[in-house]
Protein backbone atom coordinates (compact mmCIF):
# COMPACT_ATOMS: atom_id res chain seq x y z
CA UNK A 1 -20.59 42.27 14.57
CA UNK A 2 -19.22 41.74 18.09
CA UNK A 3 -16.29 39.75 16.68
CA UNK A 4 -15.36 42.71 14.46
CA UNK A 5 -15.66 45.09 17.40
CA UNK A 6 -13.44 42.88 19.59
CA UNK A 7 -10.90 42.74 16.79
CA UNK A 8 -10.81 46.53 16.63
CA UNK A 9 -10.46 46.75 20.41
CA UNK A 10 -7.48 44.44 20.14
CA UNK A 11 -6.03 46.77 17.49
CA UNK A 12 -6.53 49.63 19.95
CA UNK A 13 -4.66 47.71 22.66
CA UNK A 14 -1.78 47.02 20.29
CA UNK A 15 -1.59 50.66 19.21
CA UNK A 16 -1.52 51.78 22.85
CA UNK A 17 1.27 49.30 23.58
CA UNK A 18 3.24 50.72 20.64
CA UNK A 19 2.67 54.29 21.80
CA UNK A 20 3.68 53.33 25.34
CA UNK A 21 6.86 51.72 24.01
CA UNK A 22 7.68 54.90 22.12
CA UNK A 23 7.21 56.90 25.34
CA UNK A 24 9.57 54.56 27.17
CA UNK A 25 12.07 54.87 24.32
CA UNK A 26 11.94 58.68 24.42
CA UNK A 27 12.50 58.73 28.19
CA UNK A 28 15.35 56.23 27.89
CA UNK A 29 17.11 58.26 25.18
CA UNK A 30 16.74 61.51 27.13
CA UNK A 31 17.94 59.80 30.32
CA UNK A 32 20.97 58.25 28.62
CA UNK A 33 21.76 61.58 26.99
CA UNK A 34 21.57 63.26 30.39
CA UNK A 35 23.87 60.79 32.11
CA UNK A 36 26.38 60.53 29.25
CA UNK A 37 26.26 64.06 27.86
CA UNK A 38 25.70 62.59 24.39
CA UNK A 39 23.71 65.08 22.25
CA UNK A 40 23.05 62.43 19.57
CA UNK A 41 20.92 60.47 22.04
CA UNK A 42 19.05 63.65 22.89
CA UNK A 43 18.31 64.18 19.20
CA UNK A 44 16.95 60.63 19.01
CA UNK A 45 14.52 61.40 21.84
CA UNK A 46 13.28 64.44 19.92
CA UNK A 47 12.70 62.32 16.80
CA UNK A 48 10.83 59.69 18.81
CA UNK A 49 8.50 62.45 20.06
CA UNK A 50 7.48 63.03 16.44
CA UNK A 51 6.55 59.34 16.16
CA UNK A 52 4.51 59.64 19.35
CA UNK A 53 2.55 62.55 17.86
CA UNK A 54 1.74 60.48 14.77
CA UNK A 55 0.70 57.50 16.88
CA UNK A 56 -1.63 59.75 18.90
CA UNK A 57 -3.45 60.79 15.72
CA UNK A 58 -3.67 57.17 14.59
CA UNK A 59 -5.26 56.09 17.89
CA UNK A 60 -7.64 59.05 17.88
CA UNK A 61 -8.88 57.98 14.45
CA UNK A 62 -9.26 54.38 15.57
CA UNK A 63 -11.28 55.44 18.62
CA UNK A 64 -13.53 57.63 16.48
CA UNK A 65 -14.21 54.71 14.13
CA UNK A 66 -15.09 52.50 17.08
CA UNK A 67 -17.51 55.11 18.40
CA UNK A 68 -19.13 55.94 15.06
CA UNK A 69 -19.21 52.58 13.32
CA UNK A 70 -20.06 50.41 16.32
CA UNK A 71 -22.53 50.72 19.17
CA UNK A 72 -20.36 50.15 22.24
CA UNK A 73 -22.00 49.14 25.51
CA UNK A 74 -21.15 51.06 28.70
CA UNK A 75 -18.07 48.99 29.55
CA UNK A 76 -16.63 49.30 26.04
CA UNK A 77 -17.46 52.99 25.94
CA UNK A 78 -15.43 53.48 29.13
CA UNK A 79 -12.46 51.69 27.54
CA UNK A 80 -12.55 53.88 24.46
CA UNK A 81 -13.03 57.07 26.49
CA UNK A 82 -10.14 56.09 28.77
CA UNK A 83 -7.91 55.40 25.76
CA UNK A 84 -8.61 58.89 24.37
CA UNK A 85 -7.67 60.43 27.71
CA UNK A 86 -4.57 58.25 28.05
CA UNK A 87 -3.07 59.20 24.70
CA UNK A 88 -3.24 62.87 25.66
CA UNK A 89 -1.03 62.13 28.68
CA UNK A 90 1.22 59.89 26.60
CA UNK A 91 1.69 62.64 24.01
CA UNK A 92 2.69 65.03 26.80
CA UNK A 93 5.16 62.47 28.11
CA UNK A 94 6.80 62.51 24.68
CA UNK A 95 6.85 66.32 24.72
CA UNK A 96 8.54 66.39 28.12
CA UNK A 97 11.16 63.83 27.13
CA UNK A 98 11.83 66.06 24.10
CA UNK A 99 12.02 69.15 26.36
CA UNK A 100 14.59 67.40 28.55
CA UNK A 101 16.63 66.57 25.45
CA UNK A 102 16.51 70.14 24.17
CA UNK A 103 17.91 71.43 27.47
CA UNK A 104 20.68 68.83 27.30
CA UNK A 105 21.65 69.94 23.79
CA UNK A 106 21.39 73.69 24.37
CA UNK A 107 23.03 73.80 27.82
CA UNK A 108 25.47 70.93 27.25
CA UNK A 109 24.22 69.11 30.34
CA UNK A 110 26.04 66.08 31.68
CA UNK A 111 24.72 64.82 35.02
CA UNK A 112 26.58 61.56 35.58
CA UNK A 113 27.19 62.46 39.23
CA UNK A 114 23.59 63.48 39.93
CA UNK A 115 22.35 59.99 40.68
CA UNK A 116 18.86 60.86 41.83
CA UNK A 117 17.95 62.25 38.41
CA UNK A 118 18.92 58.91 36.91
CA UNK A 119 16.74 57.19 39.50
CA UNK A 120 13.86 59.50 38.56
CA UNK A 121 14.20 58.51 34.91
CA UNK A 122 14.14 54.79 35.73
CA UNK A 123 11.13 55.24 38.00
CA UNK A 124 9.13 57.16 35.40
CA UNK A 125 9.88 54.54 32.72
CA UNK A 126 8.56 51.91 35.13
CA UNK A 127 5.40 53.93 35.77
CA UNK A 128 4.66 54.49 32.08
CA UNK A 129 5.24 50.84 31.20
CA UNK A 130 3.12 49.48 34.03
CA UNK A 131 0.26 51.92 33.46
CA UNK A 132 -0.06 50.72 29.85
CA UNK A 133 0.21 47.08 30.96
CA UNK A 134 -2.57 47.72 33.46
CA UNK A 135 -4.85 48.96 30.67
CA UNK A 136 -4.11 46.14 28.26
CA UNK A 137 -4.54 43.46 30.94
CA UNK A 138 -7.40 45.24 32.74
CA UNK A 139 -5.28 44.95 35.88
CA UNK A 140 -6.80 47.17 38.58
CA UNK A 141 -4.23 46.20 41.20
CA UNK A 142 -1.34 47.22 38.94
CA UNK A 143 -3.04 50.55 38.13
CA UNK A 144 -3.40 51.30 41.85
CA UNK A 145 0.27 50.38 42.38
CA UNK A 146 1.34 52.85 39.68
CA UNK A 147 -0.73 55.60 41.30
CA UNK A 148 0.96 54.96 44.64
CA UNK A 149 4.42 54.90 43.04
CA UNK A 150 4.12 58.56 42.12
CA UNK A 151 5.12 59.31 45.72
CA UNK A 152 8.50 57.68 45.01
CA UNK A 153 9.12 60.02 42.07
CA UNK A 154 8.04 63.05 44.13
CA UNK A 155 10.48 62.06 46.87
CA UNK A 156 13.29 61.68 44.35
CA UNK A 157 12.52 65.15 43.01
CA UNK A 158 12.85 66.55 46.53
CA UNK A 159 16.24 64.82 46.86
CA UNK A 160 17.45 66.25 43.55
CA UNK A 161 16.38 69.73 44.62
CA UNK A 162 18.19 69.33 47.95
CA UNK A 163 21.33 68.09 46.16
CA UNK A 164 21.34 71.11 43.88
CA UNK A 165 20.74 73.63 46.69
CA UNK A 166 23.63 72.17 48.70
CA UNK A 167 25.81 72.17 45.60
CA UNK A 168 25.18 75.88 45.07
CA UNK A 169 25.73 76.69 48.75
CA UNK A 170 29.05 74.82 48.75
CA UNK A 171 30.05 76.42 45.43
CA UNK A 172 30.32 72.95 43.88
CA UNK A 173 27.87 73.72 41.09
CA UNK A 174 27.12 76.73 38.91
CA UNK A 175 23.73 78.34 39.58
CA UNK A 176 22.64 78.39 35.93
CA UNK A 177 23.68 74.76 35.49
CA UNK A 178 21.78 73.82 38.65
CA UNK A 179 18.66 75.54 37.31
CA UNK A 180 18.87 73.52 34.08
CA UNK A 181 19.16 70.30 36.10
CA UNK A 182 16.23 71.32 38.28
CA UNK A 183 14.10 71.94 35.18
CA UNK A 184 15.02 68.49 33.88
CA UNK A 185 14.09 66.92 37.22
CA UNK A 186 10.77 68.79 37.12
CA UNK A 187 10.04 67.37 33.67
CA UNK A 188 10.68 63.85 34.99
CA UNK A 189 8.36 64.60 37.90
CA UNK A 190 5.68 65.71 35.44
CA UNK A 191 6.14 62.51 33.44
CA UNK A 192 5.38 60.63 36.65
CA UNK A 193 2.22 62.72 37.04
CA UNK A 194 1.09 61.84 33.52
CA UNK A 195 1.74 58.14 34.15
CA UNK A 196 -0.43 58.50 37.26
CA UNK A 197 -3.18 60.08 35.15
CA UNK A 198 -3.00 57.13 32.76
CA UNK A 199 -3.35 54.68 35.65
CA UNK A 200 -6.33 56.62 37.00
CA UNK A 201 -8.05 56.34 33.60
CA UNK A 202 -7.34 52.61 33.64
CA UNK A 203 -9.05 52.50 37.02
CA UNK A 204 -12.02 54.35 35.52
CA UNK A 205 -12.20 51.96 32.54
CA UNK A 206 -12.40 48.99 34.90
CA UNK A 207 -14.58 50.35 37.73
CA UNK A 208 -16.61 53.10 36.04
CA UNK A 209 -15.51 55.62 38.69
CA UNK A 210 -12.73 58.18 38.33
CA UNK A 211 -10.59 58.93 41.37
CA UNK A 212 -11.12 62.68 40.93
CA UNK A 213 -14.89 62.22 41.24
CA UNK A 214 -14.51 60.30 44.48
CA UNK A 215 -12.19 62.93 45.94
CA UNK A 216 -14.45 65.88 45.07
């Protein structure tokens, strides 16, 4: 019985890795579309979001089977509960990558000279990838590192905002265009927040304590 349960847990890990890879792919497509102005890449990001939604439902079903068909002990129950929380954040990451892509297509955005937005995209991809790795490998140290890295993304957002304000003041950038770029930067910042949430649930799965409970 335990062998079968461990096999299903391994299937859960693999499904989470696949969903995480799809999230990375969506962010990469939206980022490349942003920096190149290529609407076809933006459309790819939107299609990947649909795959993420399907993968979320698949993992939900797998978790429900584990809960109903098996009798998980406390540690295993934490892993399954954390996985259910994580896929909610991962689904939202896909949504936000899709939202970025929709702005790019509608507003014809091309931000090759706005380097900090590109840096934000790379940083959020790193956070998403490492948060999933932390879960699969039960790596508490990596989860804590991801949580701390959110400050880097927040700082990059502040730099983007400053760049855009100065650009408007110096009449180097159109106000409406700047607003679209700021919205995109905000979506990347939110992706970083969701990656942080994932890492916090990894921390809970390993330690049994959620960071929010300790801070309250």
